[in-house]
Amino acid sequence: MIGVLVRFRYGNDFSEARVRQVADAARGKFVNLPGLRSKAFTVDPQRREALNFYVWETEDAARAFFTAELTERVAGLYGVAPSVEFVSIAALIENPPP
């Protein structure tokens, strides 16, 4: 498995509410996406930062998804270019919902 961290430092023209709107609008695009195990949309209003964390089955699937075109489109949504970092997942714990 591979993890991908996509981080955005947004300016004053963006807000936590806007990050949540973007996440809500994009959520459906990731349901049942081949190769994607999970995705978390996060927001830290104190740092004015959004971080999306993806868990992919394979590195090939992750790298195929994160094209230059996708990064450009995402930069248009947030108003800033994101940083994209690929990390190896040593272990993943998934608990069933209560």
PDB file of N, CA and C in Angstrom:
ATOM      1  N   MET A   1       0.841  -1.189   0.000  1.00  0.00           N
ATOM      2  CA  MET A   1       0.000   0.000   0.000  1.00  0.00           C
ATOM      3  C   MET A   1       0.881   1.245   0.000  1.00  0.00           C
ATOM      4  N   ILE A   2       0.304   2.280  -0.548  1.00  0.00           N
ATOM      5  CA  ILE A   2       1.004   3.565  -0.598  1.00  0.00           C
ATOM      6  C   ILE A   2       0.055   4.662  -0.140  1.00  0.00           C
ATOM      7  N   GLY A   3       0.597   5.608   0.597  1.00  0.00           N
ATOM      8  CA  GLY A   3      -0.174   6.773   1.018  1.00  0.00           C
ATOM      9  C   GLY A   3       0.267   7.983   0.221  1.00  0.00           C
ATOM     10  N   VAL A   4      -0.666   8.885   0.011  1.00  0.00           N
ATOM     11  CA  VAL A   4      -0.341  10.137  -0.668  1.00  0.00           C
ATOM     12  C   VAL A   4      -0.918  11.268   0.164  1.00  0.00           C
ATOM     13  N   LEU A   5      -0.044  12.217   0.503  1.00  0.00           N
ATOM     14  CA  LEU A   5      -0.464  13.404   1.241  1.00  0.00           C
ATOM     15  C   LEU A   5      -0.480  14.580   0.273  1.00  0.00           C
ATOM     16  N   VAL A   6      -1.614  15.231   0.178  1.00  0.00           N
ATOM     17  CA  VAL A   6      -1.759  16.392  -0.700  1.00  0.00           C
ATOM     18  C   VAL A   6      -2.091  17.573   0.207  1.00  0.00           C
ATOM     19  N   ARG A   7      -1.164  18.519   0.283  1.00  0.00           N
ATOM     20  CA  ARG A   7      -1.278  19.629   1.236  1.00  0.00           C
ATOM     21  C   ARG A   7      -1.459  20.959   0.510  1.00  0.00           C
ATOM     22  N   PHE A   8      -2.383  21.764   1.030  1.00  0.00           N
ATOM     23  CA  PHE A   8      -2.660  23.101   0.489  1.00  0.00           C
ATOM     24  C   PHE A   8      -2.543  24.106   1.623  1.00  0.00           C
ATOM     25  N   ARG A   9      -1.780  25.145   1.429  1.00  0.00           N
ATOM     26  CA  ARG A   9      -1.766  26.279   2.348  1.00  0.00           C
ATOM     27  C   ARG A   9      -2.572  27.371   1.654  1.00  0.00           C
ATOM     28  N   TYR A  10      -3.765  27.637   2.180  1.00  0.00           N
ATOM     29  CA  TYR A  10      -4.635  28.575   1.479  1.00  0.00           C
ATOM     30  C   TYR A  10      -4.550  29.973   2.075  1.00  0.00           C
ATOM     31  N   GLY A  11      -4.869  30.970   1.252  1.00  0.00           N
ATOM     32  CA  GLY A  11      -4.770  32.363   1.647  1.00  0.00           C
ATOM     33  C   GLY A  11      -6.045  32.892   2.280  1.00  0.00           C
ATOM     34  N   ASN A  12      -6.087  34.187   2.456  1.00  0.00           N
ATOM     35  CA  ASN A  12      -7.225  34.848   3.101  1.00  0.00           C
ATOM     36  C   ASN A  12      -8.496  34.791   2.276  1.00  0.00           C
ATOM     37  N   ASP A  13      -8.368  34.538   0.977  1.00  0.00           N
ATOM     38  CA  ASP A  13      -9.544  34.480   0.117  1.00  0.00           C
ATOM     39  C   ASP A  13     -10.219  33.108   0.158  1.00  0.00           C
ATOM     40  N   PHE A  14      -9.701  32.221   0.992  1.00  0.00           N
ATOM     41  CA  PHE A  14     -10.250  30.874   1.152  1.00  0.00           C
ATOM     42  C   PHE A  14     -10.595  30.708   2.627  1.00  0.00           C
ATOM     43  N   SER A  15     -11.391  29.709   2.963  1.00  0.00           N
ATOM     44  CA  SER A  15     -11.795  29.532   4.359  1.00  0.00           C
ATOM     45  C   SER A  15     -12.047  28.060   4.647  1.00  0.00           C
ATOM     46  N   GLU A  16     -12.212  27.747   5.921  1.00  0.00           N
ATOM     47  CA  GLU A  16     -12.555  26.385   6.310  1.00  0.00           C
ATOM     48  C   GLU A  16     -13.869  25.961   5.658  1.00  0.00           C
ATOM     49  N   ALA A  17     -14.832  26.859   5.621  1.00  0.00           N
ATOM     50  CA  ALA A  17     -16.125  26.548   4.998  1.00  0.00           C
ATOM     51  C   ALA A  17     -15.942  26.201   3.522  1.00  0.00           C
ATOM     52  N   ARG A  18     -15.080  26.916   2.837  1.00  0.00           N
ATOM     53  CA  ARG A  18     -14.833  26.642   1.418  1.00  0.00           C
ATOM     54  C   ARG A  18     -14.146  25.286   1.235  1.00  0.00           C
ATOM     55  N   VAL A  19     -13.216  24.953   2.119  1.00  0.00           N
ATOM     56  CA  VAL A  19     -12.568  23.634   2.061  1.00  0.00           C
ATOM     57  C   VAL A  19     -13.623  22.547   2.208  1.00  0.00           C
ATOM     58  N   ARG A  20     -14.540  22.729   3.144  1.00  0.00           N
ATOM     59  CA  ARG A  20     -15.602  21.741   3.358  1.00  0.00           C
ATOM     60  C   ARG A  20     -16.526  21.643   2.137  1.00  0.00           C
ATOM     61  N   GLN A  21     -16.807  22.760   1.480  1.00  0.00           N
ATOM     62  CA  GLN A  21     -17.622  22.734   0.264  1.00  0.00           C
ATOM     63  C   GLN A  21     -16.932  21.952  -0.845  1.00  0.00           C
ATOM     64  N   VAL A  22     -15.642  22.192  -1.015  1.00  0.00           N
ATOM     65  CA  VAL A  22     -14.875  21.474  -2.036  1.00  0.00           C
ATOM     66  C   VAL A  22     -14.896  19.976  -1.734  1.00  0.00           C
ATOM     67  N   ALA A  23     -14.697  19.619  -0.474  1.00  0.00           N
ATOM     68  CA  ALA A  23     -14.696  18.204  -0.071  1.00  0.00           C
ATOM     69  C   ALA A  23     -16.057  17.563  -0.330  1.00  0.00           C
ATOM     70  N   ASP A  24     -17.121  18.243   0.063  1.00  0.00           N
ATOM     71  CA  ASP A  24     -18.468  17.697  -0.155  1.00  0.00           C
ATOM     72  C   ASP A  24     -18.759  17.499  -1.640  1.00  0.00           C
ATOM     73  N   ALA A  25     -18.347  18.465  -2.461  1.00  0.00           N
ATOM     74  CA  ALA A  25     -18.599  18.382  -3.896  1.00  0.00           C
ATOM     75  C   ALA A  25     -17.773  17.271  -4.554  1.00  0.00           C
ATOM     76  N   ALA A  26     -16.585  17.017  -4.030  1.00  0.00           N
ATOM     77  CA  ALA A  26     -15.687  16.031  -4.642  1.00  0.00           C
ATOM     78  C   ALA A  26     -15.889  14.618  -4.114  1.00  0.00           C
ATOM     79  N   ARG A  27     -16.523  14.463  -2.991  1.00  0.00           N
ATOM     80  CA  ARG A  27     -16.638  13.169  -2.301  1.00  0.00           C
ATOM     81  C   ARG A  27     -17.082  12.033  -3.221  1.00  0.00           C
ATOM     82  N   GLY A  28     -18.121  12.243  -3.975  1.00  0.00           N
ATOM     83  CA  GLY A  28     -18.677  11.197  -4.827  1.00  0.00           C
ATOM     84  C   GLY A  28     -17.710  10.693  -5.892  1.00  0.00           C
ATOM     85  N   LYS A  29     -16.755  11.529  -6.305  1.00  0.00           N
ATOM     86  CA  LYS A  29     -15.796  11.122  -7.329  1.00  0.00           C
ATOM     87  C   LYS A  29     -14.851  10.030  -6.839  1.00  0.00           C
ATOM     88  N   PHE A  30     -14.760   9.862  -5.523  1.00  0.00           N
ATOM     89  CA  PHE A  30     -13.809   8.915  -4.957  1.00  0.00           C
ATOM     90  C   PHE A  30     -14.457   7.619  -4.485  1.00  0.00           C
ATOM     91  N   VAL A  31     -15.768   7.582  -4.418  1.00  0.00           N
ATOM     92  CA  VAL A  31     -16.470   6.367  -4.005  1.00  0.00           C
ATOM     93  C   VAL A  31     -16.264   5.305  -5.082  1.00  0.00           C
ATOM     94  N   ASN A  32     -15.758   4.156  -4.671  1.00  0.00           N
ATOM     95  CA  ASN A  32     -15.506   3.015  -5.571  1.00  0.00           C
ATOM     96  C   ASN A  32     -14.491   3.308  -6.674  1.00  0.00           C
ATOM     97  N   LEU A  33     -13.607   4.262  -6.454  1.00  0.00           N
ATOM     98  CA  LEU A  33     -12.556   4.554  -7.425  1.00  0.00           C
ATOM     99  C   LEU A  33     -11.564   3.383  -7.426  1.00  0.00           C
ATOM    100  N   PRO A  34     -11.333   2.760  -8.585  1.00  0.00           N
ATOM    101  CA  PRO A  34     -10.438   1.600  -8.636  1.00  0.00           C
ATOM    102  C   PRO A  34      -9.053   1.911  -8.062  1.00  0.00           C
ATOM    103  N   GLY A  35      -8.593   1.041  -7.178  1.00  0.00           N
ATOM    104  CA  GLY A  35      -7.268   1.170  -6.579  1.00  0.00           C
ATOM    105  C   GLY A  35      -7.218   2.015  -5.327  1.00  0.00           C
ATOM    106  N   LEU A  36      -8.251   2.829  -5.090  1.00  0.00           N
ATOM    107  CA  LEU A  36      -8.267   3.697  -3.909  1.00  0.00           C
ATOM    108  C   LEU A  36      -8.947   2.982  -2.753  1.00  0.00           C
ATOM    109  N   ARG A  37      -8.227   2.840  -1.672  1.00  0.00           N
ATOM    110  CA  ARG A  37      -8.783   2.190  -0.485  1.00  0.00           C
ATOM    111  C   ARG A  37      -9.540   3.169   0.387  1.00  0.00           C
ATOM    112  N   SER A  38      -8.962   4.362   0.566  1.00  0.00           N
ATOM    113  CA  SER A  38      -9.645   5.375   1.368  1.00  0.00           C
ATOM    114  C   SER A  38      -9.058   6.753   1.081  1.00  0.00           C
ATOM    115  N   LYS A  39      -9.831   7.749   1.455  1.00  0.00           N
ATOM    116  CA  LYS A  39      -9.377   9.134   1.325  1.00  0.00           C
ATOM    117  C   LYS A  39      -9.970   9.926   2.478  1.00  0.00           C
ATOM    118  N   ALA A  40      -9.160  10.755   3.086  1.00  0.00           N
ATOM    119  CA  ALA A  40      -9.625  11.651   4.140  1.00  0.00           C
ATOM    120  C   ALA A  40      -9.368  13.085   3.697  1.00  0.00           C
ATOM    121  N   PHE A  41     -10.394  13.906   3.804  1.00  0.00           N
ATOM    122  CA  PHE A  41     -10.263  15.344   3.576  1.00  0.00           C
ATOM    123  C   PHE A  41     -10.086  15.957   4.963  1.00  0.00           C
ATOM    124  N   THR A  42      -9.040  16.740   5.174  1.00  0.00           N
ATOM    125  CA  THR A  42      -8.850  17.376   6.475  1.00  0.00           C
ATOM    126  C   THR A  42      -8.686  18.878   6.289  1.00  0.00           C
ATOM    127  N   VAL A  43      -8.940  19.595   7.374  1.00  0.00           N
ATOM    128  CA  VAL A  43      -8.741  21.041   7.352  1.00  0.00           C
ATOM    129  C   VAL A  43      -8.246  21.479   8.728  1.00  0.00           C
ATOM    130  N   ASP A  44      -7.249  22.358   8.721  1.00  0.00           N
ATOM    131  CA  ASP A  44      -6.696  22.932   9.944  1.00  0.00           C
ATOM    132  C   ASP A  44      -6.804  24.455   9.817  1.00  0.00           C
ATOM    133  N   PRO A  45      -7.908  25.023  10.335  1.00  0.00           N
ATOM    134  CA  PRO A  45      -8.116  26.462  10.149  1.00  0.00           C
ATOM    135  C   PRO A  45      -7.058  27.328  10.839  1.00  0.00           C
ATOM    136  N   GLN A  46      -6.446  26.830  11.905  1.00  0.00           N
ATOM    137  CA  GLN A  46      -5.398  27.597  12.586  1.00  0.00           C
ATOM    138  C   GLN A  46      -4.187  27.809  11.676  1.00  0.00           C
ATOM    139  N   ARG A  47      -3.841  26.787  10.932  1.00  0.00           N
ATOM    140  CA  ARG A  47      -2.701  26.868  10.006  1.00  0.00           C
ATOM    141  C   ARG A  47      -3.105  27.315   8.615  1.00  0.00           C
ATOM    142  N   ARG A  48      -4.427  27.446   8.391  1.00  0.00           N
ATOM    143  CA  ARG A  48      -4.957  27.754   7.068  1.00  0.00           C
ATOM    144  C   ARG A  48      -4.445  26.717   6.066  1.00  0.00           C
ATOM    145  N   GLU A  49      -4.660  25.454   6.436  1.00  0.00           N
ATOM    146  CA  GLU A  49      -4.137  24.350   5.655  1.00  0.00           C
ATOM    147  C   GLU A  49      -5.190  23.258   5.492  1.00  0.00           C
ATOM    148  N   ALA A  50      -5.219  22.695   4.310  1.00  0.00           N
ATOM    149  CA  ALA A  50      -6.025  21.508   4.044  1.00  0.00           C
ATOM    150  C   ALA A  50      -5.062  20.407   3.654  1.00  0.00           C
ATOM    151  N   LEU A  51      -5.307  19.216   4.181  1.00  0.00           N
ATOM    152  CA  LEU A  51      -4.477  18.072   3.839  1.00  0.00           C
ATOM    153  C   LEU A  51      -5.406  16.923   3.493  1.00  0.00           C
ATOM    154  N   ASN A  52      -5.225  16.385   2.314  1.00  0.00           N
ATOM    155  CA  ASN A  52      -6.000  15.217   1.899  1.00  0.00           C
ATOM    156  C   ASN A  52      -5.065  14.023   1.946  1.00  0.00           C
ATOM    157  N   PHE A  53      -5.541  12.947   2.574  1.00  0.00           N
ATOM    158  CA  PHE A  53      -4.719  11.753   2.713  1.00  0.00           C
ATOM    159  C   PHE A  53      -5.394  10.586   2.013  1.00  0.00           C
ATOM    160  N   TYR A  54      -4.672   9.985   1.073  1.00  0.00           N
ATOM    161  CA  TYR A  54      -5.178   8.874   0.271  1.00  0.00           C
ATOM    162  C   TYR A  54      -4.435   7.594   0.655  1.00  0.00           C
ATOM    163  N   VAL A  55      -5.134   6.479   0.639  1.00  0.00           N
ATOM    164  CA  VAL A  55      -4.514   5.160   0.771  1.00  0.00           C
ATOM    165  C   VAL A  55      -4.840   4.393  -0.508  1.00  0.00           C
ATOM    166  N   TRP A  56      -3.809   4.028  -1.241  1.00  0.00           N
ATOM    167  CA  TRP A  56      -3.940   3.327  -2.509  1.00  0.00           C
ATOM    168  C   TRP A  56      -3.442   1.898  -2.363  1.00  0.00           C
ATOM    169  N   GLU A  57      -4.012   0.996  -3.134  1.00  0.00           N
ATOM    170  CA  GLU A  57      -3.582  -0.403  -3.122  1.00  0.00           C
ATOM    171  C   GLU A  57      -2.156  -0.551  -3.648  1.00  0.00           C
ATOM    172  N   THR A  58      -1.823   0.210  -4.709  1.00  0.00           N
ATOM    173  CA  THR A  58      -0.487   0.112  -5.306  1.00  0.00           C
ATOM    174  C   THR A  58       0.063   1.499  -5.629  1.00  0.00           C
ATOM    175  N   GLU A  59       1.366   1.575  -5.725  1.00  0.00           N
ATOM    176  CA  GLU A  59       2.001   2.830  -6.103  1.00  0.00           C
ATOM    177  C   GLU A  59       1.653   3.190  -7.544  1.00  0.00           C
ATOM    178  N   ASP A  60       1.541   2.186  -8.408  1.00  0.00           N
ATOM    179  CA  ASP A  60       1.170   2.456  -9.803  1.00  0.00           C
ATOM    180  C   ASP A  60      -0.186   3.139  -9.892  1.00  0.00           C
ATOM    181  N   ALA A  61      -1.162   2.659  -9.117  1.00  0.00           N
ATOM    182  CA  ALA A  61      -2.497   3.272  -9.119  1.00  0.00           C
ATOM    183  C   ALA A  61      -2.428   4.713  -8.624  1.00  0.00           C
ATOM    184  N   ALA A  62      -1.648   4.942  -7.571  1.00  0.00           N
ATOM    185  CA  ALA A  62      -1.523   6.293  -7.011  1.00  0.00           C
ATOM    186  C   ALA A  62      -0.882   7.241  -8.021  1.00  0.00           C
ATOM    187  N   ARG A  63       0.196   6.804  -8.608  1.00  0.00           N
ATOM    188  CA  ARG A  63       0.908   7.685  -9.552  1.00  0.00           C
ATOM    189  C   ARG A  63       0.118   7.915 -10.831  1.00  0.00           C
ATOM    190  N   ALA A  64      -0.654   6.934 -11.241  1.00  0.00           N
ATOM    191  CA  ALA A  64      -1.504   7.111 -12.424  1.00  0.00           C
ATOM    192  C   ALA A  64      -2.592   8.151 -12.169  1.00  0.00           C
ATOM    193  N   PHE A  65      -3.059   8.247 -10.926  1.00  0.00           N
ATOM    194  CA  PHE A  65      -4.114   9.198 -10.583  1.00  0.00           C
ATOM    195  C   PHE A  65      -3.577  10.635 -10.520  1.00  0.00           C
ATOM    196  N   PHE A  66      -2.393  10.811  -9.929  1.00  0.00           N
ATOM    197  CA  PHE A  66      -1.849  12.148  -9.701  1.00  0.00           C
ATOM    198  C   PHE A  66      -1.059  12.646 -10.900  1.00  0.00           C
ATOM    199  N   THR A  67      -1.770  12.985 -11.949  1.00  0.00           N
ATOM    200  CA  THR A  67      -1.159  13.520 -13.162  1.00  0.00           C
ATOM    201  C   THR A  67      -0.950  15.024 -13.013  1.00  0.00           C
ATOM    202  N   ALA A  68      -0.163  15.598 -13.905  1.00  0.00           N
ATOM    203  CA  ALA A  68       0.042  17.052 -13.921  1.00  0.00           C
ATOM    204  C   ALA A  68      -1.287  17.763 -14.160  1.00  0.00           C
ATOM    205  N   GLU A  69      -2.133  17.185 -15.003  1.00  0.00           N
ATOM    206  CA  GLU A  69      -3.448  17.778 -15.284  1.00  0.00           C
ATOM    207  C   GLU A  69      -4.312  17.823 -14.019  1.00  0.00           C
ATOM    208  N   LEU A  70      -4.301  16.743 -13.247  1.00  0.00           N
ATOM    209  CA  LEU A  70      -5.077  16.711 -12.007  1.00  0.00           C
ATOM    210  C   LEU A  70      -4.562  17.755 -11.021  1.00  0.00           C
ATOM    211  N   THR A  71      -3.247  17.843 -10.872  1.00  0.00           N
ATOM    212  CA  THR A  71      -2.663  18.815  -9.945  1.00  0.00           C
ATOM    213  C   THR A  71      -3.048  20.234 -10.344  1.00  0.00           C
ATOM    214  N   GLU A  72      -3.065  20.510 -11.641  1.00  0.00           N
ATOM    215  CA  GLU A  72      -3.455  21.833 -12.133  1.00  0.00           C
ATOM    216  C   GLU A  72      -4.936  22.115 -11.829  1.00  0.00           C
ATOM    217  N   ARG A  73      -5.780  21.116 -12.029  1.00  0.00           N
ATOM    218  CA  ARG A  73      -7.213  21.276 -11.762  1.00  0.00           C
ATOM    219  C   ARG A  73      -7.460  21.519 -10.267  1.00  0.00           C
ATOM    220  N   VAL A  74      -6.754  20.776  -9.425  1.00  0.00           N
ATOM    221  CA  VAL A  74      -6.900  20.929  -7.979  1.00  0.00           C
ATOM    222  C   VAL A  74      -6.398  22.306  -7.542  1.00  0.00           C
ATOM    223  N   ALA A  75      -5.323  22.777  -8.143  1.00  0.00           N
ATOM    224  CA  ALA A  75      -4.814  24.117  -7.827  1.00  0.00           C
ATOM    225  C   ALA A  75      -5.867  25.167  -8.152  1.00  0.00           C
ATOM    226  N   GLY A  76      -6.643  24.942  -9.205  1.00  0.00           N
ATOM    227  CA  GLY A  76      -7.727  25.859  -9.542  1.00  0.00           C
ATOM    228  C   GLY A  76      -8.823  25.863  -8.495  1.00  0.00           C
ATOM    229  N   LEU A  77      -9.095  24.706  -7.884  1.00  0.00           N
ATOM    230  CA  LEU A  77     -10.120  24.635  -6.835  1.00  0.00           C
ATOM    231  C   LEU A  77      -9.710  25.382  -5.571  1.00  0.00           C
ATOM    232  N   TYR A  78      -8.462  25.195  -5.160  1.00  0.00           N
ATOM    233  CA  TYR A  78      -7.986  25.762  -3.901  1.00  0.00           C
ATOM    234  C   TYR A  78      -7.300  27.117  -4.058  1.00  0.00           C
ATOM    235  N   GLY A  79      -6.963  27.474  -5.285  1.00  0.00           N
ATOM    236  CA  GLY A  79      -6.309  28.757  -5.515  1.00  0.00           C
ATOM    237  C   GLY A  79      -4.806  28.727  -5.278  1.00  0.00           C
ATOM    238  N   VAL A  80      -4.267  27.570  -4.934  1.00  0.00           N
ATOM    239  CA  VAL A  80      -2.823  27.407  -4.735  1.00  0.00           C
ATOM    240  C   VAL A  80      -2.435  26.009  -5.217  1.00  0.00           C
ATOM    241  N   ALA A  81      -1.195  25.876  -5.656  1.00  0.00           N
ATOM    242  CA  ALA A  81      -0.708  24.552  -6.068  1.00  0.00           C
ATOM    243  C   ALA A  81      -0.448  23.717  -4.814  1.00  0.00           C
ATOM    244  N   PRO A  82      -0.871  22.470  -4.822  1.00  0.00           N
ATOM    245  CA  PRO A  82      -0.637  21.619  -3.663  1.00  0.00           C
ATOM    246  C   PRO A  82       0.754  21.003  -3.695  1.00  0.00           C
ATOM    247  N   SER A  83       1.215  20.580  -2.525  1.00  0.00           N
ATOM    248  CA  SER A  83       2.385  19.705  -2.496  1.00  0.00           C
ATOM    249  C   SER A  83       1.843  18.278  -2.463  1.00  0.00           C
ATOM    250  N   VAL A  84       2.491  17.379  -3.170  1.00  0.00           N
ATOM    251  CA  VAL A  84       2.057  15.980  -3.245  1.00  0.00           C
ATOM    252  C   VAL A  84       3.224  15.121  -2.795  1.00  0.00           C
ATOM    253  N   GLU A  85       2.983  14.295  -1.765  1.00  0.00           N
ATOM    254  CA  GLU A  85       4.042  13.461  -1.197  1.00  0.00           C
ATOM    255  C   GLU A  85       3.571  12.014  -1.143  1.00  0.00           C
ATOM    256  N   PHE A  86       4.371  11.121  -1.680  1.00  0.00           N
ATOM    257  CA  PHE A  86       4.076   9.686  -1.659  1.00  0.00           C
ATOM    258  C   PHE A  86       4.836   9.065  -0.490  1.00  0.00           C
ATOM    259  N   VAL A  87       4.142   8.264   0.318  1.00  0.00           N
ATOM    260  CA  VAL A  87       4.766   7.612   1.467  1.00  0.00           C
ATOM    261  C   VAL A  87       4.375   6.144   1.496  1.00  0.00           C
ATOM    262  N   SER A  88       5.283   5.330   1.979  1.00  0.00           N
ATOM    263  CA  SER A  88       5.006   3.903   2.128  1.00  0.00           C
ATOM    264  C   SER A  88       4.224   3.689   3.418  1.00  0.00           C
ATOM    265  N   ILE A  89       3.189   2.882   3.361  1.00  0.00           N
ATOM    266  CA  ILE A  89       2.389   2.585   4.557  1.00  0.00           C
ATOM    267  C   ILE A  89       2.932   1.293   5.163  1.00  0.00           C
ATOM    268  N   ALA A  90       3.470   1.401   6.380  1.00  0.00           N
ATOM    269  CA  ALA A  90       4.037   0.228   7.057  1.00  0.00           C
ATOM    270  C   ALA A  90       2.936  -0.665   7.589  1.00  0.00           C
ATOM    271  N   ALA A  91       1.850  -0.079   8.081  1.00  0.00           N
ATOM    272  CA  ALA A  91       0.714  -0.844   8.602  1.00  0.00           C
ATOM    273  C   ALA A  91      -0.506   0.051   8.574  1.00  0.00           C
ATOM    274  N   LEU A  92      -1.655  -0.556   8.371  1.00  0.00           N
ATOM    275  CA  LEU A  92      -2.918   0.185   8.345  1.00  0.00           C
ATOM    276  C   LEU A  92      -3.925  -0.539   9.224  1.00  0.00           C
ATOM    277  N   ILE A  93      -4.536   0.175  10.116  1.00  0.00           N
ATOM    278  CA  ILE A  93      -5.567  -0.375  10.979  1.00  0.00           C
ATOM    279  C   ILE A  93      -6.902   0.173  10.500  1.00  0.00           C
ATOM    280  N   GLU A  94      -7.846  -0.687  10.220  1.00  0.00           N
ATOM    281  CA  GLU A  94      -9.177  -0.261   9.818  1.00  0.00           C
ATOM    282  C   GLU A  94     -10.177  -0.921  10.767  1.00  0.00           C
ATOM    283  N   ASN A  95     -10.859  -0.112  11.523  1.00  0.00           N
ATOM    284  CA  ASN A  95     -11.873  -0.605  12.453  1.00  0.00           C
ATOM    285  C   ASN A  95     -13.249  -0.517  11.822  1.00  0.00           C
ATOM    286  N   PRO A  96     -14.096  -1.488  12.067  1.00  0.00           N
ATOM    287  CA  PRO A  96     -15.459  -1.393  11.532  1.00  0.00           C
ATOM    288  C   PRO A  96     -16.217  -0.268  12.246  1.00  0.00           C
ATOM    289  N   PRO A  97     -17.160   0.361  11.565  1.00  0.00           N
ATOM    290  CA  PRO A  97     -17.946   1.401  12.224  1.00  0.00           C
ATOM    291  C   PRO A  97     -18.714   0.809  13.415  1.00  0.00           C
ATOM    292  N   PRO A  98     -18.931   1.637  14.436  1.00  0.00           N
ATOM    293  CA  PRO A  98     -19.655   1.132  15.633  1.00  0.00           C
ATOM    294  C   PRO A  98     -21.085   0.764  15.314  1.00  0.00           C
TER     295      PRO A  98
END
